N, C-alpha and C. Protein backbone atom coordinates (compact mmCIF):
# COMPACT_ATOMS: atom_id res chain seq x y z
N UNK A 1 -16.62 -12.38 -1.03
CA UNK A 1 -16.55 -10.95 -0.74
C UNK A 1 -15.96 -10.76 0.65
N UNK A 2 -14.92 -9.93 0.76
CA UNK A 2 -14.32 -9.69 2.07
C UNK A 2 -15.29 -8.94 2.98
N UNK A 3 -15.14 -9.17 4.29
CA UNK A 3 -16.03 -8.47 5.20
C UNK A 3 -15.56 -7.03 5.42
N UNK A 4 -16.34 -6.27 6.15
CA UNK A 4 -16.09 -4.84 6.33
C UNK A 4 -14.77 -4.59 7.06
N UNK A 5 -14.44 -5.44 8.01
CA UNK A 5 -13.19 -5.27 8.77
C UNK A 5 -11.98 -5.37 7.85
N UNK A 6 -11.98 -6.33 6.95
CA UNK A 6 -10.87 -6.50 6.01
C UNK A 6 -10.79 -5.29 5.08
N UNK A 7 -11.92 -4.83 4.57
CA UNK A 7 -11.93 -3.66 3.68
C UNK A 7 -11.43 -2.41 4.40
N UNK A 8 -11.83 -2.24 5.65
CA UNK A 8 -11.39 -1.08 6.42
C UNK A 8 -9.88 -1.12 6.66
N UNK A 9 -9.36 -2.29 7.04
CA UNK A 9 -7.93 -2.41 7.28
C UNK A 9 -7.15 -2.22 5.98
N UNK A 10 -7.66 -2.74 4.87
CA UNK A 10 -6.99 -2.54 3.58
C UNK A 10 -7.00 -1.06 3.19
N UNK A 11 -8.08 -0.36 3.51
CA UNK A 11 -8.15 1.08 3.23
C UNK A 11 -7.14 1.85 4.08
N UNK A 12 -6.97 1.49 5.35
CA UNK A 12 -5.95 2.12 6.19
C UNK A 12 -4.57 1.91 5.59
N UNK A 13 -4.30 0.68 5.15
CA UNK A 13 -3.00 0.36 4.57
C UNK A 13 -2.77 1.15 3.28
N UNK A 14 -3.75 1.11 2.37
CA UNK A 14 -3.61 1.79 1.08
C UNK A 14 -3.54 3.30 1.27
N UNK A 15 -4.31 3.83 2.20
CA UNK A 15 -4.27 5.28 2.45
C UNK A 15 -2.92 5.74 2.96
N UNK A 16 -2.32 4.97 3.85
CA UNK A 16 -1.01 5.38 4.36
C UNK A 16 0.08 5.21 3.31
N UNK A 17 -0.04 4.21 2.43
CA UNK A 17 0.90 4.08 1.31
C UNK A 17 0.76 5.29 0.40
N UNK A 18 -0.49 5.65 0.06
CA UNK A 18 -0.73 6.78 -0.84
C UNK A 18 -0.19 8.09 -0.26
N UNK A 19 -0.46 8.34 0.99
CA UNK A 19 0.01 9.58 1.62
C UNK A 19 1.53 9.64 1.63
N UNK A 20 2.17 8.52 1.92
CA UNK A 20 3.64 8.50 1.96
C UNK A 20 4.24 8.80 0.59
N UNK A 21 3.76 8.12 -0.46
CA UNK A 21 4.35 8.36 -1.78
C UNK A 21 3.96 9.73 -2.33
N UNK A 22 2.78 10.21 -2.00
CA UNK A 22 2.36 11.54 -2.47
C UNK A 22 3.21 12.63 -1.82
N UNK A 23 3.47 12.50 -0.52
CA UNK A 23 4.30 13.49 0.16
C UNK A 23 5.74 13.44 -0.33
N UNK A 24 6.24 12.25 -0.63
CA UNK A 24 7.62 12.13 -1.12
C UNK A 24 7.75 12.70 -2.53
N UNK A 25 6.73 12.55 -3.36
CA UNK A 25 6.79 13.03 -4.74
C UNK A 25 6.27 14.45 -4.91
N UNK A 26 5.76 15.05 -3.85
CA UNK A 26 5.13 16.37 -3.96
C UNK A 26 6.06 17.45 -4.50
N UNK A 27 7.32 17.54 -4.03
CA UNK A 27 8.17 18.64 -4.55
C UNK A 27 8.67 18.42 -5.97
N UNK A 28 8.52 17.24 -6.54
CA UNK A 28 9.12 16.93 -7.84
C UNK A 28 8.53 17.69 -9.02
N UNK A 29 7.21 17.99 -9.07
CA UNK A 29 6.69 18.64 -10.28
C UNK A 29 7.07 20.10 -10.43
N UNK A 30 7.99 20.61 -9.64
CA UNK A 30 8.35 22.03 -9.69
C UNK A 30 9.08 22.37 -10.99
N UNK A 31 9.70 21.39 -11.61
CA UNK A 31 10.52 21.64 -12.78
C UNK A 31 9.66 21.97 -14.00
N UNK A 32 10.29 22.05 -15.16
CA UNK A 32 9.59 22.41 -16.40
C UNK A 32 8.41 21.47 -16.67
N UNK A 33 7.37 22.02 -17.26
CA UNK A 33 6.16 21.26 -17.59
C UNK A 33 5.56 20.63 -16.33
N UNK A 34 5.43 21.43 -15.29
CA UNK A 34 5.07 20.91 -13.98
C UNK A 34 3.64 20.40 -13.92
N UNK A 35 2.73 20.94 -14.73
CA UNK A 35 1.34 20.47 -14.68
C UNK A 35 1.23 19.03 -15.18
N UNK A 36 1.86 18.74 -16.30
CA UNK A 36 1.82 17.36 -16.82
C UNK A 36 2.51 16.41 -15.86
N UNK A 37 3.63 16.84 -15.28
CA UNK A 37 4.32 15.98 -14.31
C UNK A 37 3.47 15.73 -13.08
N UNK A 38 2.80 16.77 -12.59
CA UNK A 38 1.97 16.62 -11.39
C UNK A 38 0.82 15.64 -11.64
N UNK A 39 0.19 15.73 -12.81
CA UNK A 39 -0.90 14.81 -13.14
C UNK A 39 -0.38 13.39 -13.28
N UNK A 40 0.75 13.23 -13.98
CA UNK A 40 1.32 11.90 -14.17
C UNK A 40 1.73 11.28 -12.84
N UNK A 41 2.35 12.07 -11.97
CA UNK A 41 2.77 11.56 -10.66
C UNK A 41 1.55 11.17 -9.83
N UNK A 42 0.52 11.98 -9.85
CA UNK A 42 -0.68 11.65 -9.09
C UNK A 42 -1.35 10.38 -9.62
N UNK A 43 -1.38 10.20 -10.95
CA UNK A 43 -1.96 8.98 -11.51
C UNK A 43 -1.16 7.74 -11.11
N UNK A 44 0.17 7.85 -11.14
CA UNK A 44 1.00 6.73 -10.70
C UNK A 44 0.76 6.43 -9.24
N UNK A 45 0.66 7.48 -8.42
CA UNK A 45 0.41 7.27 -6.99
C UNK A 45 -0.96 6.65 -6.73
N UNK A 46 -1.96 7.03 -7.52
CA UNK A 46 -3.28 6.42 -7.38
C UNK A 46 -3.25 4.95 -7.79
N UNK A 47 -2.48 4.63 -8.82
CA UNK A 47 -2.32 3.23 -9.22
C UNK A 47 -1.64 2.43 -8.12
N UNK A 48 -0.64 3.02 -7.49
CA UNK A 48 0.03 2.37 -6.36
C UNK A 48 -0.97 2.17 -5.22
N UNK A 49 -1.83 3.16 -4.99
CA UNK A 49 -2.84 3.05 -3.94
C UNK A 49 -3.81 1.90 -4.22
N UNK A 50 -4.25 1.76 -5.47
CA UNK A 50 -5.14 0.65 -5.82
C UNK A 50 -4.46 -0.70 -5.63
N UNK A 51 -3.19 -0.79 -6.02
CA UNK A 51 -2.45 -2.03 -5.83
C UNK A 51 -2.27 -2.29 -4.33
N UNK A 52 -2.03 -1.25 -3.55
CA UNK A 52 -1.90 -1.42 -2.11
C UNK A 52 -3.21 -1.90 -1.49
N UNK A 53 -4.34 -1.39 -1.99
CA UNK A 53 -5.64 -1.82 -1.48
C UNK A 53 -5.87 -3.30 -1.76
N UNK A 54 -5.57 -3.72 -3.01
CA UNK A 54 -5.72 -5.13 -3.36
C UNK A 54 -4.75 -6.01 -2.57
N UNK A 55 -3.53 -5.53 -2.38
CA UNK A 55 -2.55 -6.26 -1.58
C UNK A 55 -3.02 -6.39 -0.14
N UNK A 56 -3.59 -5.31 0.39
CA UNK A 56 -4.10 -5.34 1.76
C UNK A 56 -5.23 -6.35 1.92
N UNK A 57 -6.15 -6.39 0.97
CA UNK A 57 -7.24 -7.38 1.04
C UNK A 57 -6.68 -8.79 1.04
N UNK A 58 -5.73 -9.04 0.14
CA UNK A 58 -5.12 -10.37 0.07
C UNK A 58 -4.42 -10.73 1.38
N UNK A 59 -3.62 -9.82 1.91
CA UNK A 59 -2.87 -10.11 3.14
C UNK A 59 -3.80 -10.28 4.33
N UNK A 60 -4.81 -9.45 4.46
CA UNK A 60 -5.70 -9.55 5.62
C UNK A 60 -6.60 -10.78 5.54
N UNK A 61 -6.87 -11.25 4.33
CA UNK A 61 -7.61 -12.51 4.22
C UNK A 61 -6.73 -13.68 4.63
N UNK A 62 -5.41 -13.58 4.36
CA UNK A 62 -4.49 -14.62 4.81
C UNK A 62 -4.35 -14.61 6.33
N UNK A 63 -4.48 -13.44 6.93
CA UNK A 63 -4.32 -13.30 8.38
C UNK A 63 -5.67 -13.27 9.10
N UNK A 64 -6.70 -13.85 8.51
CA UNK A 64 -8.05 -13.71 9.07
C UNK A 64 -8.22 -14.36 10.43
N UNK A 65 -7.35 -15.29 10.81
CA UNK A 65 -7.47 -15.93 12.12
C UNK A 65 -6.75 -15.14 13.19
N UNK A 66 -6.34 -13.91 12.86
CA UNK A 66 -5.61 -13.10 13.82
C UNK A 66 -6.31 -11.76 14.01
N UNK A 67 -6.21 -11.21 15.21
CA UNK A 67 -6.77 -9.89 15.51
C UNK A 67 -5.66 -8.86 15.29
N UNK A 68 -5.89 -7.94 14.38
CA UNK A 68 -4.88 -6.95 14.00
C UNK A 68 -5.34 -5.57 14.42
N UNK A 69 -4.49 -4.86 15.15
CA UNK A 69 -4.81 -3.51 15.59
C UNK A 69 -4.72 -2.54 14.43
N UNK A 70 -5.40 -1.41 14.54
CA UNK A 70 -5.44 -0.41 13.47
C UNK A 70 -4.05 0.15 13.18
N UNK A 71 -3.23 0.31 14.19
CA UNK A 71 -1.90 0.89 14.01
C UNK A 71 -1.01 0.03 13.12
N UNK A 72 -1.24 -1.29 13.12
CA UNK A 72 -0.39 -2.19 12.33
C UNK A 72 -0.49 -1.93 10.82
N UNK A 73 -1.69 -1.87 10.21
CA UNK A 73 -1.71 -1.57 8.77
C UNK A 73 -1.22 -0.16 8.44
N UNK A 74 -1.40 0.79 9.35
CA UNK A 74 -0.89 2.14 9.10
C UNK A 74 0.63 2.14 9.10
N UNK A 75 1.23 1.47 10.08
CA UNK A 75 2.69 1.37 10.14
C UNK A 75 3.23 0.59 8.94
N UNK A 76 2.57 -0.49 8.58
CA UNK A 76 3.00 -1.27 7.40
C UNK A 76 2.87 -0.44 6.13
N UNK A 77 1.83 0.39 6.04
CA UNK A 77 1.66 1.24 4.87
C UNK A 77 2.74 2.30 4.76
N UNK A 78 3.10 2.90 5.89
CA UNK A 78 4.18 3.90 5.88
C UNK A 78 5.50 3.26 5.45
N UNK A 79 5.80 2.09 6.02
CA UNK A 79 7.04 1.39 5.64
C UNK A 79 7.00 0.95 4.18
N UNK A 80 5.84 0.49 3.71
CA UNK A 80 5.73 0.08 2.31
C UNK A 80 5.89 1.28 1.37
N UNK A 81 5.32 2.41 1.76
CA UNK A 81 5.49 3.62 0.95
C UNK A 81 6.94 4.03 0.85
N UNK A 82 7.67 3.93 1.96
CA UNK A 82 9.10 4.25 1.95
C UNK A 82 9.85 3.27 1.07
N UNK A 83 9.48 1.99 1.12
CA UNK A 83 10.13 0.99 0.25
C UNK A 83 9.85 1.29 -1.22
N UNK A 84 8.63 1.68 -1.54
CA UNK A 84 8.27 1.94 -2.93
C UNK A 84 8.99 3.16 -3.47
N UNK A 85 9.29 4.13 -2.61
CA UNK A 85 9.99 5.34 -3.05
C UNK A 85 11.38 5.00 -3.56
N UNK A 86 11.90 3.83 -3.20
CA UNK A 86 13.22 3.42 -3.70
C UNK A 86 13.21 3.27 -5.21
N UNK A 87 12.01 3.08 -5.81
CA UNK A 87 11.91 3.10 -7.26
C UNK A 87 11.90 4.57 -7.68
N UNK A 88 13.06 5.18 -7.76
CA UNK A 88 13.20 6.64 -7.91
C UNK A 88 12.45 7.26 -9.08
N UNK A 89 12.38 6.65 -10.26
CA UNK A 89 11.71 7.33 -11.37
C UNK A 89 10.20 7.51 -11.20
N UNK A 90 9.61 7.09 -10.05
CA UNK A 90 8.23 7.46 -9.80
C UNK A 90 8.09 8.98 -9.83
N UNK A 91 9.18 9.66 -9.54
CA UNK A 91 9.14 11.12 -9.52
C UNK A 91 9.04 11.71 -10.93
N UNK A 92 9.45 10.96 -11.93
CA UNK A 92 9.42 11.46 -13.30
C UNK A 92 8.76 10.43 -14.21
N UNK A 93 7.46 10.17 -14.05
CA UNK A 93 6.80 9.10 -14.81
C UNK A 93 6.74 9.34 -16.31
N UNK A 94 6.82 10.58 -16.75
CA UNK A 94 6.78 10.83 -18.19
C UNK A 94 8.10 10.47 -18.87
N UNK A 95 9.19 10.45 -18.11
CA UNK A 95 10.50 10.17 -18.69
C UNK A 95 10.80 8.67 -18.76
N UNK A 96 10.23 7.88 -17.84
CA UNK A 96 10.55 6.46 -17.76
C UNK A 96 9.28 5.61 -17.72
N UNK A 97 8.48 5.59 -18.79
CA UNK A 97 7.17 4.92 -18.69
C UNK A 97 7.25 3.41 -18.44
N UNK A 98 8.17 2.68 -19.06
CA UNK A 98 8.22 1.23 -18.86
C UNK A 98 8.77 0.89 -17.48
N UNK A 99 9.70 1.70 -17.02
CA UNK A 99 10.24 1.47 -15.69
C UNK A 99 9.15 1.67 -14.63
N UNK A 100 8.26 2.62 -14.88
CA UNK A 100 7.16 2.87 -13.96
C UNK A 100 6.23 1.67 -13.91
N UNK A 101 5.88 1.13 -15.08
CA UNK A 101 4.96 -0.02 -15.12
C UNK A 101 5.57 -1.20 -14.38
N UNK A 102 6.82 -1.50 -14.65
CA UNK A 102 7.49 -2.62 -13.97
C UNK A 102 7.60 -2.34 -12.47
N UNK A 103 7.94 -1.11 -12.13
CA UNK A 103 8.08 -0.75 -10.71
C UNK A 103 6.78 -0.84 -9.95
N UNK A 104 5.69 -0.34 -10.56
CA UNK A 104 4.39 -0.40 -9.89
C UNK A 104 3.94 -1.84 -9.69
N UNK A 105 4.09 -2.66 -10.73
CA UNK A 105 3.66 -4.05 -10.60
C UNK A 105 4.55 -4.84 -9.64
N UNK A 106 5.84 -4.52 -9.60
CA UNK A 106 6.72 -5.24 -8.68
C UNK A 106 6.61 -4.71 -7.26
N UNK A 107 5.90 -3.61 -7.05
CA UNK A 107 5.74 -3.08 -5.69
C UNK A 107 4.83 -3.96 -4.84
N UNK A 108 4.13 -4.90 -5.48
CA UNK A 108 3.26 -5.82 -4.73
C UNK A 108 4.10 -6.65 -3.76
N UNK A 109 5.27 -7.10 -4.18
CA UNK A 109 6.09 -8.00 -3.35
C UNK A 109 6.53 -7.34 -2.04
N UNK A 110 7.17 -6.16 -2.05
CA UNK A 110 7.56 -5.59 -0.76
C UNK A 110 6.37 -5.20 0.11
N UNK A 111 5.27 -4.77 -0.54
CA UNK A 111 4.10 -4.39 0.26
C UNK A 111 3.51 -5.58 0.99
N UNK A 112 3.32 -6.70 0.29
CA UNK A 112 2.69 -7.83 0.94
C UNK A 112 3.61 -8.47 1.98
N UNK A 113 4.92 -8.48 1.71
CA UNK A 113 5.85 -9.01 2.71
C UNK A 113 5.83 -8.17 3.98
N UNK A 114 5.89 -6.85 3.82
CA UNK A 114 5.86 -5.97 4.99
C UNK A 114 4.56 -6.14 5.76
N UNK A 115 3.45 -6.19 5.04
CA UNK A 115 2.14 -6.30 5.69
C UNK A 115 1.99 -7.64 6.39
N UNK A 116 2.41 -8.72 5.75
CA UNK A 116 2.29 -10.04 6.39
C UNK A 116 3.19 -10.17 7.61
N UNK A 117 4.43 -9.69 7.50
CA UNK A 117 5.35 -9.80 8.64
C UNK A 117 4.87 -8.97 9.81
N UNK A 118 4.54 -7.69 9.57
CA UNK A 118 4.08 -6.85 10.67
C UNK A 118 2.72 -7.31 11.19
N UNK A 119 1.85 -7.74 10.29
CA UNK A 119 0.55 -8.24 10.73
C UNK A 119 0.68 -9.47 11.60
N UNK A 120 1.60 -10.34 11.27
CA UNK A 120 1.79 -11.56 12.06
C UNK A 120 2.47 -11.25 13.40
N UNK A 121 3.48 -10.38 13.37
CA UNK A 121 4.24 -10.08 14.59
C UNK A 121 3.40 -9.31 15.59
N UNK A 122 2.63 -8.32 15.12
CA UNK A 122 1.90 -7.44 16.04
C UNK A 122 0.44 -7.85 16.27
N UNK A 123 0.05 -9.01 15.77
CA UNK A 123 -1.34 -9.44 15.96
C UNK A 123 -1.42 -10.52 17.02
N UNK A 124 -2.63 -10.78 17.43
CA UNK A 124 -2.89 -11.85 18.39
C UNK A 124 -3.79 -12.88 17.72
N UNK A 125 -3.57 -14.12 18.07
CA UNK A 125 -4.38 -15.20 17.51
C UNK A 125 -5.76 -15.18 18.16
N UNK A 126 -6.79 -15.30 17.33
CA UNK A 126 -8.16 -15.36 17.85
C UNK A 126 -8.44 -16.75 18.39
N UNK A 127 -9.36 -16.83 19.32
CA UNK A 127 -9.74 -18.15 19.82
C UNK A 127 -10.61 -18.87 18.78
N UNK A 128 -10.60 -20.19 18.77
CA UNK A 128 -11.32 -20.94 17.73
C UNK A 128 -12.82 -20.66 17.68
N UNK A 129 -13.41 -20.27 18.79
CA UNK A 129 -14.85 -20.01 18.78
C UNK A 129 -15.19 -18.75 17.98
N UNK A 130 -14.28 -17.79 17.94
CA UNK A 130 -14.60 -16.56 17.22
C UNK A 130 -14.33 -16.68 15.72
N UNK A 131 -13.72 -17.78 15.27
CA UNK A 131 -13.46 -17.94 13.84
C UNK A 131 -14.75 -18.06 13.03
N UNK A 132 -15.77 -18.61 13.61
CA UNK A 132 -17.04 -18.74 12.88
C UNK A 132 -17.66 -17.36 12.63
N UNK A 133 -17.37 -16.38 13.50
CA UNK A 133 -17.90 -15.05 13.31
C UNK A 133 -17.19 -14.30 12.19
N UNK A 134 -15.92 -14.66 11.93
CA UNK A 134 -15.13 -13.97 10.91
C UNK A 134 -15.61 -14.32 9.51
N UNK A 135 -16.06 -15.54 9.29
CA UNK A 135 -16.45 -16.00 7.96
C UNK A 135 -17.67 -15.35 7.43
């Protein structure tokens, strides 16, 4: 079971990913059948948020020997959200259902790469004595 620090950092990362994709997709349901589109877009964004949370837990467990500031997962989440928006049909999930499934599942790769790179670059290595406290 991950400790509270890892869960909190993963929540910061997933929250910033969710906010980014939700704000980018917000104007899209204006077209015909906007209620169904809005619900579908929100469900896809929530699925992306859950995947981002799991990705964050995995990445922060890999980086457990490093001290990571709060701003790093937020910045990584914003960048990951912008990367995920490149899968354009997230805006129209009812029109491209298989593309959405493949896109959501493949979004793990850019998210974890961004999180690991930024987490490693902007973090500091902990001293060996504090590693026993992390476990």
